[in-house]
Amino acid sequence: MLRGCVARHLARHRLADLFLDTLPYNAHTTASERLWAGLPLVTCPGETFASRVAGSLLLAIVAAS
């Protein structure tokens, strides 16, 4: 049951064209889910940990590929 819910949740993300991250607090889990679903993400890293999470996620994806 839970797997089906997660799959439907992630499938909804594919309906969007782009995810714009927010300042001063990045999306964290929301950004991870969007990237996992294959949705492009645009972020503007700030100077605090909370404002740099999405940028770190994007760098990790680049490093892994």
N, C-alpha and C. Protein backbone atom coordinates (compact mmCIF):
# COMPACT_ATOMS: atom_id res chain seq x y z
N MET A 1 0.82 -1.20 0.00
CA MET A 1 0.00 0.00 0.00
C MET A 1 0.86 1.27 0.00
N LEU A 2 1.85 1.32 0.91
CA LEU A 2 2.69 2.51 1.00
C LEU A 2 3.48 2.73 -0.28
N ARG A 3 3.98 1.65 -0.89
CA ARG A 3 4.73 1.80 -2.12
C ARG A 3 3.89 2.43 -3.23
N GLY A 4 2.63 2.03 -3.32
CA GLY A 4 1.74 2.60 -4.32
C GLY A 4 1.49 4.08 -4.07
N CYS A 5 1.37 4.46 -2.80
CA CYS A 5 1.17 5.87 -2.46
C CYS A 5 2.39 6.71 -2.84
N VAL A 6 3.57 6.18 -2.55
CA VAL A 6 4.80 6.89 -2.90
C VAL A 6 4.92 7.01 -4.41
N ALA A 7 4.63 5.96 -5.13
CA ALA A 7 4.71 5.98 -6.59
C ALA A 7 3.75 7.02 -7.17
N ARG A 8 2.54 7.08 -6.65
CA ARG A 8 1.57 8.08 -7.13
C ARG A 8 2.04 9.49 -6.77
N HIS A 9 2.59 9.65 -5.58
CA HIS A 9 3.10 10.96 -5.14
C HIS A 9 4.21 11.44 -6.08
N LEU A 10 5.16 10.56 -6.38
CA LEU A 10 6.25 10.93 -7.28
C LEU A 10 5.77 11.14 -8.71
N ALA A 11 4.78 10.39 -9.14
CA ALA A 11 4.25 10.54 -10.49
C ALA A 11 3.64 11.93 -10.69
N ARG A 12 3.05 12.48 -9.64
CA ARG A 12 2.48 13.84 -9.76
C ARG A 12 3.55 14.88 -10.03
N HIS A 13 4.75 14.65 -9.52
CA HIS A 13 5.85 15.61 -9.75
C HIS A 13 6.19 15.70 -11.23
N ARG A 14 6.01 14.61 -11.96
CA ARG A 14 6.36 14.61 -13.38
C ARG A 14 5.42 15.48 -14.22
N LEU A 15 4.32 15.94 -13.63
CA LEU A 15 3.40 16.82 -14.34
C LEU A 15 3.93 18.24 -14.45
N ALA A 16 4.89 18.59 -13.61
CA ALA A 16 5.48 19.93 -13.63
C ALA A 16 6.63 19.98 -14.64
N ASP A 17 6.98 21.17 -15.06
CA ASP A 17 8.10 21.36 -15.97
C ASP A 17 9.40 21.69 -15.24
N LEU A 18 9.27 22.35 -14.07
CA LEU A 18 10.44 22.85 -13.36
C LEU A 18 10.08 23.08 -11.90
N PHE A 19 11.02 22.82 -11.00
CA PHE A 19 10.83 23.11 -9.58
C PHE A 19 11.74 24.26 -9.20
N LEU A 20 11.15 25.36 -8.72
CA LEU A 20 11.92 26.51 -8.27
C LEU A 20 12.06 26.45 -6.76
N ASP A 21 13.28 26.34 -6.29
CA ASP A 21 13.53 26.25 -4.86
C ASP A 21 13.44 27.63 -4.23
N THR A 22 13.26 27.67 -2.93
CA THR A 22 13.01 28.93 -2.23
C THR A 22 14.22 29.38 -1.41
N LEU A 23 14.25 30.64 -1.12
CA LEU A 23 15.21 31.25 -0.20
C LEU A 23 14.41 31.85 0.96
N PRO A 24 14.89 31.92 2.15
CA PRO A 24 16.23 31.53 2.58
C PRO A 24 16.33 30.07 2.99
N TYR A 25 15.22 29.33 2.98
CA TYR A 25 15.26 27.91 3.38
C TYR A 25 14.98 27.05 2.16
N ASN A 26 15.92 26.17 1.82
CA ASN A 26 15.73 25.28 0.68
C ASN A 26 14.73 24.18 1.00
N ALA A 27 14.38 23.44 -0.03
CA ALA A 27 13.29 22.48 0.05
C ALA A 27 13.64 21.18 0.78
N HIS A 28 14.88 20.81 0.90
CA HIS A 28 15.31 19.60 1.60
C HIS A 28 14.63 18.36 1.04
N THR A 29 13.70 17.75 1.77
CA THR A 29 13.04 16.51 1.33
C THR A 29 12.25 16.73 0.05
N THR A 30 11.60 17.87 -0.05
CA THR A 30 10.82 18.16 -1.26
C THR A 30 11.74 18.19 -2.48
N ALA A 31 12.90 18.80 -2.36
CA ALA A 31 13.85 18.83 -3.47
C ALA A 31 14.32 17.42 -3.81
N SER A 32 14.58 16.60 -2.81
CA SER A 32 15.00 15.22 -3.05
C SER A 32 13.95 14.45 -3.82
N GLU A 33 12.70 14.61 -3.42
CA GLU A 33 11.61 13.91 -4.12
C GLU A 33 11.49 14.38 -5.56
N ARG A 34 11.60 15.68 -5.78
CA ARG A 34 11.48 16.21 -7.15
C ARG A 34 12.59 15.67 -8.03
N LEU A 35 13.81 15.66 -7.50
CA LEU A 35 14.94 15.14 -8.27
C LEU A 35 14.80 13.65 -8.52
N TRP A 36 14.32 12.92 -7.54
CA TRP A 36 14.10 11.48 -7.68
C TRP A 36 13.08 11.20 -8.78
N ALA A 37 12.11 12.09 -8.92
CA ALA A 37 11.08 11.93 -9.95
C ALA A 37 11.57 12.41 -11.32
N GLY A 38 12.77 13.00 -11.38
CA GLY A 38 13.31 13.45 -12.65
C GLY A 38 12.95 14.88 -13.02
N LEU A 39 12.44 15.64 -12.07
CA LEU A 39 12.05 17.03 -12.34
C LEU A 39 13.26 17.95 -12.21
N PRO A 40 13.52 18.78 -13.20
CA PRO A 40 14.63 19.73 -13.08
C PRO A 40 14.39 20.70 -11.92
N LEU A 41 15.48 21.07 -11.26
CA LEU A 41 15.40 21.93 -10.08
C LEU A 41 16.32 23.12 -10.24
N VAL A 42 15.83 24.30 -9.93
CA VAL A 42 16.64 25.52 -9.94
C VAL A 42 16.67 26.05 -8.52
N THR A 43 17.88 26.31 -8.01
CA THR A 43 18.03 26.81 -6.65
C THR A 43 19.03 27.95 -6.63
N CYS A 44 18.97 28.73 -5.59
CA CYS A 44 19.91 29.82 -5.37
C CYS A 44 20.49 29.64 -3.97
N PRO A 45 21.66 29.03 -3.84
CA PRO A 45 22.21 28.76 -2.52
C PRO A 45 22.50 30.05 -1.75
N GLY A 46 22.20 30.01 -0.48
CA GLY A 46 22.50 31.15 0.39
C GLY A 46 23.76 30.86 1.19
N GLU A 47 23.86 31.49 2.36
CA GLU A 47 25.06 31.34 3.16
C GLU A 47 24.90 30.41 4.35
N THR A 48 23.69 29.96 4.66
CA THR A 48 23.47 29.07 5.79
C THR A 48 23.26 27.64 5.31
N PHE A 49 23.38 26.70 6.25
CA PHE A 49 23.16 25.30 5.90
C PHE A 49 21.79 25.10 5.28
N ALA A 50 20.78 25.67 5.91
CA ALA A 50 19.39 25.48 5.44
C ALA A 50 19.17 26.03 4.04
N SER A 51 20.00 26.96 3.62
CA SER A 51 19.82 27.55 2.29
C SER A 51 20.75 26.94 1.24
N ARG A 52 21.47 25.88 1.62
CA ARG A 52 22.41 25.26 0.68
C ARG A 52 22.13 23.79 0.40
N VAL A 53 21.07 23.25 0.95
CA VAL A 53 20.78 21.83 0.84
C VAL A 53 20.53 21.42 -0.62
N ALA A 54 19.66 22.13 -1.32
CA ALA A 54 19.33 21.75 -2.70
C ALA A 54 20.57 21.83 -3.59
N GLY A 55 21.43 22.82 -3.38
CA GLY A 55 22.67 22.90 -4.14
C GLY A 55 23.56 21.70 -3.89
N SER A 56 23.61 21.24 -2.65
CA SER A 56 24.39 20.05 -2.32
C SER A 56 23.81 18.81 -3.01
N LEU A 57 22.49 18.71 -3.05
CA LEU A 57 21.85 17.58 -3.73
C LEU A 57 22.21 17.58 -5.22
N LEU A 58 22.16 18.75 -5.84
CA LEU A 58 22.50 18.84 -7.26
C LEU A 58 23.97 18.48 -7.51
N LEU A 59 24.87 18.94 -6.63
CA LEU A 59 26.28 18.59 -6.78
C LEU A 59 26.51 17.09 -6.61
N ALA A 60 25.78 16.46 -5.71
CA ALA A 60 25.91 15.02 -5.51
C ALA A 60 25.46 14.25 -6.75
N ILE A 61 24.41 14.74 -7.40
CA ILE A 61 23.94 14.09 -8.62
C ILE A 61 24.99 14.19 -9.73
N VAL A 62 25.57 15.36 -9.87
CA VAL A 62 26.60 15.57 -10.90
C VAL A 62 27.81 14.69 -10.62
N ALA A 63 28.22 14.61 -9.34
CA ALA A 63 29.38 13.81 -8.98
C ALA A 63 29.14 12.31 -9.21
N ALA A 64 27.89 11.88 -9.05
CA ALA A 64 27.56 10.47 -9.20
C ALA A 64 27.42 10.05 -10.67
N SER A 65 27.23 11.02 -11.55
CA SER A 65 27.01 10.65 -12.96
C SER A 65 28.24 10.75 -13.81
